[in-house]
Amino acid sequence: MQAKADTPKSLGDSIVLAARRAQLNDAHVALLTQYVKMLRARVGSAAAIPDFDPWDGGVNADVLFLLEAPGAKAVESGFVSRNNLDETAKNFFLLNQEAGIARERTVLWNIVPWYIGTGIRIRPANRADIAQGIGPLAELLPLLPALRAIVLVGQKPGAARRAIVELRPQVRIFDTPHPSPLFVNNNPGNRGRLLGALNDVASFLGDWEPSA
């Protein structure tokens, strides 16, 4: 089922979504699932915090893609996932596939881990939101012992750069534009810019592939 369902927007299928939820306590992601439960208990039930996607690398991931905040489709599915039912997730899926970055080497999260906005639309993260997200990020990073790179996706996660360097000074930091349709479709060269940034990440990963 996994190979067939690992396509853009596949979490829009209720069968695929149920199967994904059944994997939340798989060995590589169980600690991250517990981490999310801890955050939910701390900030209250009103905060919508999606889970990590079990089809990503979990605690074995080499690379953390740090996005801004979960969108409505992430809240709907319950996952921070490249398989969510939106165009940003689709762009992220296809661009990583084209760059040759295996999802098993990655983990996706948000600098603001909870939904910000109303039932109608998400709002942009502000400085206070990002400051509130630093604490949870500091608790997350020790759960990712294999981490060698963090990719700041878009401008907002970049505001946490100094804190990330202090928390994990040995980790390589990359920057990519945000894969939203607003950016990708705004200029014919924007997709190429995004792909180029991901190719840099892929090249870095290739430099420390284990030898045969």
C-alpha atoms as a PDB file:
ATOM      1  CA  MET A   1       0.000   0.000   0.000  1.00  0.00           C
ATOM      2  CA  GLN A   2       2.801   2.448   0.855  1.00  0.00           C
ATOM      3  CA  ALA A   3       4.343   2.632  -2.619  1.00  0.00           C
ATOM      4  CA  LYS A   4       0.930   3.080  -4.198  1.00  0.00           C
ATOM      5  CA  ALA A   5      -0.241   5.673  -1.695  1.00  0.00           C
ATOM      6  CA  ASP A   6       2.965   7.722  -1.549  1.00  0.00           C
ATOM      7  CA  THR A   7       1.741  10.326  -3.983  1.00  0.00           C
ATOM      8  CA  PRO A   8       0.821  13.988  -3.634  1.00  0.00           C
ATOM      9  CA  LYS A   9      -2.417  14.603  -1.727  1.00  0.00           C
ATOM     10  CA  SER A  10      -2.845  10.922  -0.837  1.00  0.00           C
ATOM     11  CA  LEU A  11      -3.897  11.759   2.740  1.00  0.00           C
ATOM     12  CA  GLY A  12      -7.145  12.946   1.226  1.00  0.00           C
ATOM     13  CA  ASP A  13      -8.016   9.233   0.947  1.00  0.00           C
ATOM     14  CA  SER A  14      -9.673   8.075   4.183  1.00  0.00           C
ATOM     15  CA  ILE A  15      -8.167   4.584   3.918  1.00  0.00           C
ATOM     16  CA  VAL A  16      -4.644   5.946   3.492  1.00  0.00           C
ATOM     17  CA  LEU A  17      -5.198   8.381   6.347  1.00  0.00           C
ATOM     18  CA  ALA A  18      -6.439   5.647   8.703  1.00  0.00           C
ATOM     19  CA  ALA A  19      -3.432   3.492   7.856  1.00  0.00           C
ATOM     20  CA  ARG A  20      -1.075   6.389   8.565  1.00  0.00           C
ATOM     21  CA  ARG A  21      -2.683   7.018  11.943  1.00  0.00           C
ATOM     22  CA  ALA A  22      -2.206   3.351  12.808  1.00  0.00           C
ATOM     23  CA  GLN A  23       1.555   3.830  12.419  1.00  0.00           C
ATOM     24  CA  LEU A  24       1.950   6.621  14.963  1.00  0.00           C
ATOM     25  CA  ASN A  25       3.556   4.287  17.490  1.00  0.00           C
ATOM     26  CA  ASP A  26       5.967   2.630  15.084  1.00  0.00           C
ATOM     27  CA  ALA A  27       9.446   2.430  16.602  1.00  0.00           C
ATOM     28  CA  HIS A  28      11.028   5.273  14.624  1.00  0.00           C
ATOM     29  CA  VAL A  29       8.245   7.764  15.371  1.00  0.00           C
ATOM     30  CA  ALA A  30       6.895   6.743  18.804  1.00  0.00           C
ATOM     31  CA  LEU A  31       9.047   9.251  20.720  1.00  0.00           C
ATOM     32  CA  LEU A  32       7.896  12.038  18.412  1.00  0.00           C
ATOM     33  CA  THR A  33       4.261  11.032  18.880  1.00  0.00           C
ATOM     34  CA  GLN A  34       4.781  11.233  22.641  1.00  0.00           C
ATOM     35  CA  TYR A  35       6.415  14.631  22.211  1.00  0.00           C
ATOM     36  CA  VAL A  36       3.343  15.925  20.370  1.00  0.00           C
ATOM     37  CA  LYS A  37       1.041  14.538  23.067  1.00  0.00           C
ATOM     38  CA  MET A  38       3.136  16.353  25.672  1.00  0.00           C
ATOM     39  CA  LEU A  39       2.835  19.630  23.760  1.00  0.00           C
ATOM     40  CA  ARG A  40      -0.926  19.235  23.408  1.00  0.00           C
ATOM     41  CA  ALA A  41      -1.302  18.591  27.122  1.00  0.00           C
ATOM     42  CA  ARG A  42       0.800  21.626  27.938  1.00  0.00           C
ATOM     43  CA  VAL A  43      -0.798  24.205  25.660  1.00  0.00           C
ATOM     44  CA  GLY A  44      -4.367  22.941  25.919  1.00  0.00           C
ATOM     45  CA  SER A  45      -6.900  21.264  23.702  1.00  0.00           C
ATOM     46  CA  ALA A  46      -7.657  24.465  21.793  1.00  0.00           C
ATOM     47  CA  ALA A  47      -4.236  24.317  20.122  1.00  0.00           C
ATOM     48  CA  ALA A  48      -4.260  22.118  17.022  1.00  0.00           C
ATOM     49  CA  ILE A  49      -0.859  20.392  16.784  1.00  0.00           C
ATOM     50  CA  PRO A  50      -0.509  17.814  13.991  1.00  0.00           C
ATOM     51  CA  ASP A  51       1.634  14.700  14.378  1.00  0.00           C
ATOM     52  CA  PHE A  52       4.858  13.818  12.611  1.00  0.00           C
ATOM     53  CA  ASP A  53       4.367  11.696   9.510  1.00  0.00           C
ATOM     54  CA  PRO A  54       5.414   8.060  10.153  1.00  0.00           C
ATOM     55  CA  TRP A  55       6.422   7.706   6.496  1.00  0.00           C
ATOM     56  CA  ASP A  56       9.252  10.161   7.098  1.00  0.00           C
ATOM     57  CA  GLY A  57      12.422   9.260   8.950  1.00  0.00           C
ATOM     58  CA  GLY A  58      11.307  10.005  12.490  1.00  0.00           C
ATOM     59  CA  VAL A  59      14.121   9.861  15.032  1.00  0.00           C
ATOM     60  CA  ASN A  60      16.443   8.420  12.371  1.00  0.00           C
ATOM     61  CA  ALA A  61      16.210  11.494  10.140  1.00  0.00           C
ATOM     62  CA  ASP A  62      19.340  13.247   8.909  1.00  0.00           C
ATOM     63  CA  VAL A  63      17.500  16.407   7.880  1.00  0.00           C
ATOM     64  CA  LEU A  64      14.841  18.502   9.582  1.00  0.00           C
ATOM     65  CA  PHE A  65      12.722  20.647   7.281  1.00  0.00           C
ATOM     66  CA  LEU A  66      11.457  23.460   9.472  1.00  0.00           C
ATOM     67  CA  LEU A  67       8.382  25.219   8.102  1.00  0.00           C
ATOM     68  CA  GLU A  68       6.343  28.116   9.487  1.00  0.00           C
ATOM     69  CA  ALA A  69       3.116  26.780  11.028  1.00  0.00           C
ATOM     70  CA  PRO A  70       0.612  24.015  10.224  1.00  0.00           C
ATOM     71  CA  GLY A  71      -2.028  24.953   7.689  1.00  0.00           C
ATOM     72  CA  ALA A  72      -5.675  23.979   7.574  1.00  0.00           C
ATOM     73  CA  LYS A  73      -5.030  20.752   5.657  1.00  0.00           C
ATOM     74  CA  ALA A  74      -2.415  19.641   8.195  1.00  0.00           C
ATOM     75  CA  VAL A  75      -4.951  20.234  10.952  1.00  0.00           C
ATOM     76  CA  GLU A  76      -7.551  18.315   8.960  1.00  0.00           C
ATOM     77  CA  SER A  77      -5.332  15.274   8.368  1.00  0.00           C
ATOM     78  CA  GLY A  78      -3.568  15.510  11.727  1.00  0.00           C
ATOM     79  CA  PHE A  79      -0.108  15.279  10.122  1.00  0.00           C
ATOM     80  CA  VAL A  80       2.703  17.571   9.089  1.00  0.00           C
ATOM     81  CA  SER A  81       3.070  15.793   5.769  1.00  0.00           C
ATOM     82  CA  ARG A  82       4.066  16.132   2.141  1.00  0.00           C
ATOM     83  CA  ASN A  83       1.000  13.996   1.377  1.00  0.00           C
ATOM     84  CA  ASN A  84      -1.505  16.560   2.642  1.00  0.00           C
ATOM     85  CA  LEU A  85      -4.324  17.711   0.429  1.00  0.00           C
ATOM     86  CA  ASP A  86      -2.903  21.093  -0.610  1.00  0.00           C
ATOM     87  CA  GLU A  87      -0.722  22.551  -3.332  1.00  0.00           C
ATOM     88  CA  THR A  88       2.135  23.546  -1.009  1.00  0.00           C
ATOM     89  CA  ALA A  89       2.501  19.942   0.155  1.00  0.00           C
ATOM     90  CA  LYS A  90       2.286  18.758  -3.463  1.00  0.00           C
ATOM     91  CA  ASN A  91       5.067  21.133  -4.512  1.00  0.00           C
ATOM     92  CA  PHE A  92       7.209  20.001  -1.586  1.00  0.00           C
ATOM     93  CA  PHE A  93       6.637  16.338  -2.457  1.00  0.00           C
ATOM     94  CA  LEU A  94       7.515  16.733  -6.133  1.00  0.00           C
ATOM     95  CA  LEU A  95      10.517  19.001  -5.609  1.00  0.00           C
ATOM     96  CA  ASN A  96      12.082  16.682  -3.030  1.00  0.00           C
ATOM     97  CA  GLN A  97      11.455  13.765  -5.347  1.00  0.00           C
ATOM     98  CA  GLU A  98      13.133  15.617  -8.209  1.00  0.00           C
ATOM     99  CA  ALA A  99      16.094  16.557  -6.016  1.00  0.00           C
ATOM    100  CA  GLY A 100      16.486  12.916  -4.998  1.00  0.00           C
ATOM    101  CA  ILE A 101      16.045  13.466  -1.246  1.00  0.00           C
ATOM    102  CA  ALA A 102      14.594  10.258   0.177  1.00  0.00           C
ATOM    103  CA  ARG A 103      11.823  11.048   2.625  1.00  0.00           C
ATOM    104  CA  GLU A 104      13.164   8.396   5.017  1.00  0.00           C
ATOM    105  CA  ARG A 105      16.110  10.738   5.622  1.00  0.00           C
ATOM    106  CA  THR A 106      13.870  13.673   6.505  1.00  0.00           C
ATOM    107  CA  VAL A 107      11.488  14.865   9.160  1.00  0.00           C
ATOM    108  CA  LEU A 108       9.046  17.789   8.799  1.00  0.00           C
ATOM    109  CA  TRP A 109       8.071  20.203  11.550  1.00  0.00           C
ATOM    110  CA  ASN A 110       7.032  23.829  12.101  1.00  0.00           C
ATOM    111  CA  ILE A 111       8.771  26.571  14.061  1.00  0.00           C
ATOM    112  CA  VAL A 112       5.255  27.368  15.358  1.00  0.00           C
ATOM    113  CA  PRO A 113       3.926  23.852  16.052  1.00  0.00           C
ATOM    114  CA  TRP A 114       0.278  24.787  16.529  1.00  0.00           C
ATOM    115  CA  TYR A 115      -2.300  26.227  14.162  1.00  0.00           C
ATOM    116  CA  ILE A 116      -2.466  30.020  14.207  1.00  0.00           C
ATOM    117  CA  GLY A 117      -5.467  31.719  12.759  1.00  0.00           C
ATOM    118  CA  THR A 118      -9.200  31.263  12.680  1.00  0.00           C
ATOM    119  CA  GLY A 119     -11.559  28.677  11.277  1.00  0.00           C
ATOM    120  CA  ILE A 120     -11.453  30.636   8.016  1.00  0.00           C
ATOM    121  CA  ARG A 121      -7.754  31.135   7.386  1.00  0.00           C
ATOM    122  CA  ILE A 122      -4.296  30.883   8.905  1.00  0.00           C
ATOM    123  CA  ARG A 123      -2.468  34.112   9.645  1.00  0.00           C
ATOM    124  CA  PRO A 124       1.266  34.703   9.183  1.00  0.00           C
ATOM    125  CA  ALA A 125       3.450  33.883  12.170  1.00  0.00           C
ATOM    126  CA  ASN A 126       4.675  36.958  14.019  1.00  0.00           C
ATOM    127  CA  ARG A 127       7.727  37.506  16.223  1.00  0.00           C
ATOM    128  CA  ALA A 128       5.857  36.455  19.369  1.00  0.00           C
ATOM    129  CA  ASP A 129       4.673  33.216  17.730  1.00  0.00           C
ATOM    130  CA  ILE A 130       8.217  32.319  16.714  1.00  0.00           C
ATOM    131  CA  ALA A 131       9.579  33.150  20.163  1.00  0.00           C
ATOM    132  CA  GLN A 132       6.984  30.798  21.669  1.00  0.00           C
ATOM    133  CA  GLY A 133       8.068  28.060  19.277  1.00  0.00           C
ATOM    134  CA  ILE A 134      11.735  28.111  20.315  1.00  0.00           C
ATOM    135  CA  GLY A 135      11.071  26.248  23.569  1.00  0.00           C
ATOM    136  CA  PRO A 136       9.293  23.307  21.908  1.00  0.00           C
ATOM    137  CA  LEU A 137      12.019  23.209  19.244  1.00  0.00           C
ATOM    138  CA  ALA A 138      14.675  22.994  21.952  1.00  0.00           C
ATOM    139  CA  GLU A 139      12.814  19.978  23.350  1.00  0.00           C
ATOM    140  CA  LEU A 140      12.497  18.365  19.926  1.00  0.00           C
ATOM    141  CA  LEU A 141      16.109  18.526  18.783  1.00  0.00           C
ATOM    142  CA  PRO A 142      17.483  16.046  21.363  1.00  0.00           C
ATOM    143  CA  LEU A 143      14.964  13.516  20.025  1.00  0.00           C
ATOM    144  CA  LEU A 144      16.708  13.661  16.628  1.00  0.00           C
ATOM    145  CA  PRO A 145      20.192  12.294  17.388  1.00  0.00           C
ATOM    146  CA  ALA A 146      21.091  11.601  13.745  1.00  0.00           C
ATOM    147  CA  LEU A 147      20.346  15.159  12.637  1.00  0.00           C
ATOM    148  CA  ARG A 148      23.031  16.757  10.483  1.00  0.00           C
ATOM    149  CA  ALA A 149      21.109  19.472   8.669  1.00  0.00           C
ATOM    150  CA  ILE A 150      18.174  21.798   9.257  1.00  0.00           C
ATOM    151  CA  VAL A 151      16.446  23.399   6.283  1.00  0.00           C
ATOM    152  CA  LEU A 152      14.671  26.667   7.049  1.00  0.00           C
ATOM    153  CA  VAL A 153      11.735  26.748   4.639  1.00  0.00           C
ATOM    154  CA  GLY A 154      10.682  30.320   3.928  1.00  0.00           C
ATOM    155  CA  GLN A 155      11.486  33.536   5.753  1.00  0.00           C
ATOM    156  CA  LYS A 156       9.701  32.980   9.066  1.00  0.00           C
ATOM    157  CA  PRO A 157      11.731  29.965  10.292  1.00  0.00           C
ATOM    158  CA  GLY A 158      14.830  32.010   9.489  1.00  0.00           C
ATOM    159  CA  ALA A 159      13.988  34.197  12.467  1.00  0.00           C
ATOM    160  CA  ALA A 160      14.926  31.240  14.674  1.00  0.00           C
ATOM    161  CA  ARG A 161      18.375  30.799  13.094  1.00  0.00           C
ATOM    162  CA  ARG A 162      20.362  32.216  16.016  1.00  0.00           C
ATOM    163  CA  ALA A 163      18.530  30.032  18.524  1.00  0.00           C
ATOM    164  CA  ILE A 164      19.047  26.955  16.354  1.00  0.00           C
ATOM    165  CA  VAL A 165      22.769  27.628  16.049  1.00  0.00           C
ATOM    166  CA  GLU A 166      22.999  27.910  19.836  1.00  0.00           C
ATOM    167  CA  LEU A 167      21.014  24.704  20.332  1.00  0.00           C
ATOM    168  CA  ARG A 168      22.813  22.589  17.713  1.00  0.00           C
ATOM    169  CA  PRO A 169      25.990  24.395  16.573  1.00  0.00           C
ATOM    170  CA  GLN A 170      27.286  21.317  14.743  1.00  0.00           C
ATOM    171  CA  VAL A 171      24.248  21.092  12.440  1.00  0.00           C
ATOM    172  CA  ARG A 172      24.447  22.546   8.924  1.00  0.00           C
ATOM    173  CA  ILE A 173      21.713  25.078   8.179  1.00  0.00           C
ATOM    174  CA  PHE A 174      20.219  25.557   4.714  1.00  0.00           C
ATOM    175  CA  ASP A 175      17.617  28.022   3.472  1.00  0.00           C
ATOM    176  CA  THR A 176      14.971  27.415   0.835  1.00  0.00           C
ATOM    177  CA  PRO A 177      12.088  29.530  -0.423  1.00  0.00           C
ATOM    178  CA  HIS A 178       8.624  28.460   0.651  1.00  0.00           C
ATOM    179  CA  PRO A 179       7.025  25.977  -1.799  1.00  0.00           C
ATOM    180  CA  SER A 180       3.637  27.685  -1.768  1.00  0.00           C
ATOM    181  CA  PRO A 181       1.822  28.140  -5.103  1.00  0.00           C
ATOM    182  CA  LEU A 182       2.005  31.892  -4.473  1.00  0.00           C
ATOM    183  CA  PHE A 183       5.792  31.686  -4.729  1.00  0.00           C
ATOM    184  CA  VAL A 184       6.223  28.834  -7.217  1.00  0.00           C
ATOM    185  CA  ASN A 185       3.707  30.208  -9.727  1.00  0.00           C
ATOM    186  CA  ASN A 186       4.627  33.864  -9.346  1.00  0.00           C
ATOM    187  CA  ASN A 187       7.706  33.742 -11.568  1.00  0.00           C
ATOM    188  CA  PRO A 188       8.931  31.109 -14.060  1.00  0.00           C
ATOM    189  CA  GLY A 189      12.309  31.004 -12.293  1.00  0.00           C
ATOM    190  CA  ASN A 190      11.016  30.469  -8.780  1.00  0.00           C
ATOM    191  CA  ARG A 191      10.574  26.734  -9.050  1.00  0.00           C
ATOM    192  CA  GLY A 192      14.147  26.487 -10.271  1.00  0.00           C
ATOM    193  CA  ARG A 193      15.346  28.499  -7.274  1.00  0.00           C
ATOM    194  CA  LEU A 194      13.593  26.113  -4.932  1.00  0.00           C
ATOM    195  CA  LEU A 195      14.914  23.054  -6.718  1.00  0.00           C
ATOM    196  CA  GLY A 196      18.415  24.480  -6.683  1.00  0.00           C
ATOM    197  CA  ALA A 197      18.255  24.946  -2.924  1.00  0.00           C
ATOM    198  CA  LEU A 198      17.051  21.365  -2.468  1.00  0.00           C
ATOM    199  CA  ASN A 199      19.784  20.115  -4.781  1.00  0.00           C
ATOM    200  CA  ASP A 200      22.283  21.727  -2.406  1.00  0.00           C
ATOM    201  CA  VAL A 201      20.748  19.746   0.456  1.00  0.00           C
ATOM    202  CA  ALA A 202      20.860  16.563  -1.614  1.00  0.00           C
ATOM    203  CA  SER A 203      24.512  17.174  -2.450  1.00  0.00           C
ATOM    204  CA  PHE A 204      25.313  17.609   1.231  1.00  0.00           C
ATOM    205  CA  LEU A 205      23.539  14.362   2.030  1.00  0.00           C
ATOM    206  CA  GLY A 206      25.481  12.602  -0.690  1.00  0.00           C
ATOM    207  CA  ASP A 207      28.753  13.762   0.839  1.00  0.00           C
ATOM    208  CA  TRP A 208      28.128  11.652   3.933  1.00  0.00           C
ATOM    209  CA  GLU A 209      26.432   8.597   2.500  1.00  0.00           C
ATOM    210  CA  PRO A 210      27.927   5.509   4.229  1.00  0.00           C
ATOM    211  CA  SER A 211      30.514   3.808   2.062  1.00  0.00           C
ATOM    212  CA  ALA A 212      29.832   0.366   0.664  1.00  0.00           C
END
